[in-house]
Structures are given as C-alpha cells and as structure tokens.
C-alpha atoms as a PDB file:
ATOM      1  CA  MET A   1       1.594 -23.731 -50.945  1.00  0.00           C
ATOM      2  CA  PHE A   2       2.952 -20.977 -48.683  1.00  0.00           C
ATOM      3  CA  GLY A   3       6.437 -22.443 -48.162  1.00  0.00           C
ATOM      4  CA  LEU A   4       5.631 -23.757 -44.698  1.00  0.00           C
ATOM      5  CA  GLY A   5       7.863 -26.599 -43.623  1.00  0.00           C
ATOM      6  CA  LYS A   6      10.619 -25.610 -46.044  1.00  0.00           C
ATOM      7  CA  VAL A   7      14.177 -24.445 -45.442  1.00  0.00           C
ATOM      8  CA  THR A   8      16.807 -22.823 -47.666  1.00  0.00           C
ATOM      9  CA  CYS A   9      19.945 -24.782 -48.505  1.00  0.00           C
ATOM     10  CA  GLU A  10      23.084 -22.777 -47.646  1.00  0.00           C
ATOM     11  CA  LEU A  11      24.998 -24.203 -50.600  1.00  0.00           C
ATOM     12  CA  CYS A  12      22.606 -23.998 -53.571  1.00  0.00           C
ATOM     13  CA  GLN A  13      20.006 -21.567 -52.143  1.00  0.00           C
ATOM     14  CA  SER A  14      17.094 -23.835 -53.148  1.00  0.00           C
ATOM     15  CA  ARG A  15      13.994 -24.289 -50.973  1.00  0.00           C
ATOM     16  CA  VAL A  16      13.496 -27.888 -49.828  1.00  0.00           C
ATOM     17  CA  LEU A  17      11.281 -29.673 -47.333  1.00  0.00           C
ATOM     18  CA  LYS A  18      12.733 -29.926 -43.830  1.00  0.00           C
ATOM     19  CA  ARG A  19      12.731 -33.711 -44.038  1.00  0.00           C
ATOM     20  CA  HIS A  20      14.982 -33.555 -47.132  1.00  0.00           C
ATOM     21  CA  ALA A  21      17.597 -31.357 -45.434  1.00  0.00           C
ATOM     22  CA  ARG A  22      20.222 -31.705 -42.733  1.00  0.00           C
ATOM     23  CA  ARG A  23      20.313 -28.941 -40.146  1.00  0.00           C
ATOM     24  CA  GLY A  24      23.460 -27.570 -38.542  1.00  0.00           C
ATOM     25  CA  GLN A  25      23.848 -27.163 -34.784  1.00  0.00           C
ATOM     26  CA  ASP A  26      24.592 -23.466 -34.874  1.00  0.00           C
ATOM     27  CA  ALA A  27      22.630 -20.408 -33.816  1.00  0.00           C
ATOM     28  CA  ARG A  28      21.351 -19.825 -37.357  1.00  0.00           C
ATOM     29  CA  GLY A  29      20.272 -23.408 -37.971  1.00  0.00           C
ATOM     30  CA  ALA A  30      21.938 -23.497 -41.402  1.00  0.00           C
ATOM     31  CA  CYS A  31      20.746 -26.351 -43.628  1.00  0.00           C
ATOM     32  CA  VAL A  32      22.126 -28.480 -46.456  1.00  0.00           C
ATOM     33  CA  CYS A  33      19.722 -30.140 -48.895  1.00  0.00           C
ATOM     34  CA  GLY A  34      19.972 -33.837 -49.669  1.00  0.00           C
ATOM     35  CA  ALA A  35      21.117 -33.170 -53.238  1.00  0.00           C
ATOM     36  CA  CYS A  36      24.085 -31.034 -52.150  1.00  0.00           C
ATOM     37  CA  TYR A  37      25.062 -33.525 -49.445  1.00  0.00           C
ATOM     38  CA  THR A  38      24.908 -36.431 -51.921  1.00  0.00           C
ATOM     39  CA  GLU A  39      27.000 -34.498 -54.452  1.00  0.00           C
ATOM     40  CA  TRP A  40      29.619 -33.773 -51.772  1.00  0.00           C
ATOM     41  CA  ASP A  41      29.573 -37.442 -50.727  1.00  0.00           C
ATOM     42  CA  LYS A  42      30.119 -38.656 -54.304  1.00  0.00           C
ATOM     43  CA  ALA A  43      32.948 -36.139 -54.832  1.00  0.00           C
ATOM     44  CA  GLY A  44      35.036 -37.786 -52.090  1.00  0.00           C
ATOM     45  CA  ARG A  45      33.798 -36.051 -48.914  1.00  0.00           C
ATOM     46  CA  LYS A  46      36.576 -33.422 -49.086  1.00  0.00           C
ATOM     47  CA  CYS A  47      36.641 -30.819 -46.299  1.00  0.00           C
ATOM     48  CA  VAL A  48      36.304 -27.275 -47.640  1.00  0.00           C
ATOM     49  CA  GLU A  49      38.483 -25.920 -44.813  1.00  0.00           C
ATOM     50  CA  CYS A  50      41.508 -28.259 -44.625  1.00  0.00           C
ATOM     51  CA  GLY A  51      41.227 -30.196 -47.901  1.00  0.00           C
ATOM     52  CA  SER A  52      41.432 -33.691 -46.398  1.00  0.00           C
ATOM     53  CA  ALA A  53      38.657 -36.280 -46.617  1.00  0.00           C
ATOM     54  CA  VAL A  54      36.028 -36.724 -43.909  1.00  0.00           C
ATOM     55  CA  ARG A  55      36.267 -40.404 -43.018  1.00  0.00           C
ATOM     56  CA  GLY A  56      34.434 -42.961 -40.929  1.00  0.00           C
ATOM     57  CA  MET A  57      32.917 -41.701 -37.713  1.00  0.00           C
ATOM     58  CA  GLN A  58      34.208 -38.114 -37.980  1.00  0.00           C
ATOM     59  CA  ASP A  59      31.512 -35.476 -37.438  1.00  0.00           C
ATOM     60  CA  VAL A  60      30.402 -33.627 -40.564  1.00  0.00           C
ATOM     61  CA  GLY A  61      29.976 -29.856 -40.367  1.00  0.00           C
ATOM     62  CA  ILE A  62      28.637 -27.073 -42.557  1.00  0.00           C
ATOM     63  CA  PHE A  63      30.617 -23.922 -43.299  1.00  0.00           C
ATOM     64  CA  ALA A  64      27.939 -21.342 -44.126  1.00  0.00           C
ATOM     65  CA  ALA A  65      30.405 -18.521 -44.788  1.00  0.00           C
ATOM     66  CA  ARG A  66      32.452 -20.630 -47.239  1.00  0.00           C
ATOM     67  CA  ARG A  67      29.393 -22.450 -48.612  1.00  0.00           C
ATOM     68  CA  GLY A  68      30.807 -25.906 -48.125  1.00  0.00           C
ATOM     69  CA  ILE A  69      30.860 -29.058 -46.023  1.00  0.00           C
ATOM     70  CA  GLY A  70      33.741 -30.583 -44.061  1.00  0.00           C
ATOM     71  CA  HIS A  71      34.937 -31.588 -40.603  1.00  0.00           C
ATOM     72  CA  SER A  72      33.106 -30.100 -37.665  1.00  0.00           C
ATOM     73  CA  ASP A  73      36.510 -30.105 -35.901  1.00  0.00           C
ATOM     74  CA  CYS A  74      37.743 -27.583 -38.494  1.00  0.00           C
ATOM     75  CA  GLY A  75      35.144 -25.083 -37.282  1.00  0.00           C
ATOM     76  CA  GLY A  76      31.968 -26.144 -39.084  1.00  0.00           C
ATOM     77  CA  ALA A  77      28.563 -26.360 -37.431  1.00  0.00           C
ATOM     78  CA  ARG A  78      27.903 -30.060 -36.765  1.00  0.00           C
ATOM     79  CA  LEU A  79      25.192 -31.472 -39.031  1.00  0.00           C
ATOM     80  CA  LEU A  80      22.272 -33.345 -37.539  1.00  0.00           C
ATOM     81  CA  TYR A  81      21.011 -36.372 -39.457  1.00  0.00           C
ATOM     82  CA  ALA A  82      17.370 -36.070 -38.407  1.00  0.00           C
END
C-alpha cells in the first residue's frame, strides 16, 4: 500500500518487491528486478562492459551507471541471489 518492502530496479526503473529483485553488493545497494535479469539471461548473458558472455561460475555484477549487467570482474557490483 505504501511501497514498503519494494525496491527500484536500476535498469527499468520499476518498483518491485524485494524478494523479486537481486541486490548488488555496493554502497548504494542497487537492484535488478527478476524480469530484467531474465531478459538479460535469454539474450545471451552479454557483459555490458567488455561484450563477452558471462559463463558458468563467473560472478554477475550490475553496472548502475551504464544500466546493464555483466562480469563483476569488469567493475560491476556483485549481485546477491538472495
């Protein structure tokens, strides 16, 4: 009712429940909604920074300034899955 328990997705700017978002491990606590993450996953998991695919056990990160997802090794804030 009052927006409690909701966060704003950094990519699409929509308000979603915390349990439907993945939070980044940065000072801001940037979030990505499940819909944006699924869309990125279906599009081939391409890193917005370096252009190569995020594969296997590589850590996924969010780039809030570039509004994208990619490798955390490329400078993105590591995404938490909880």
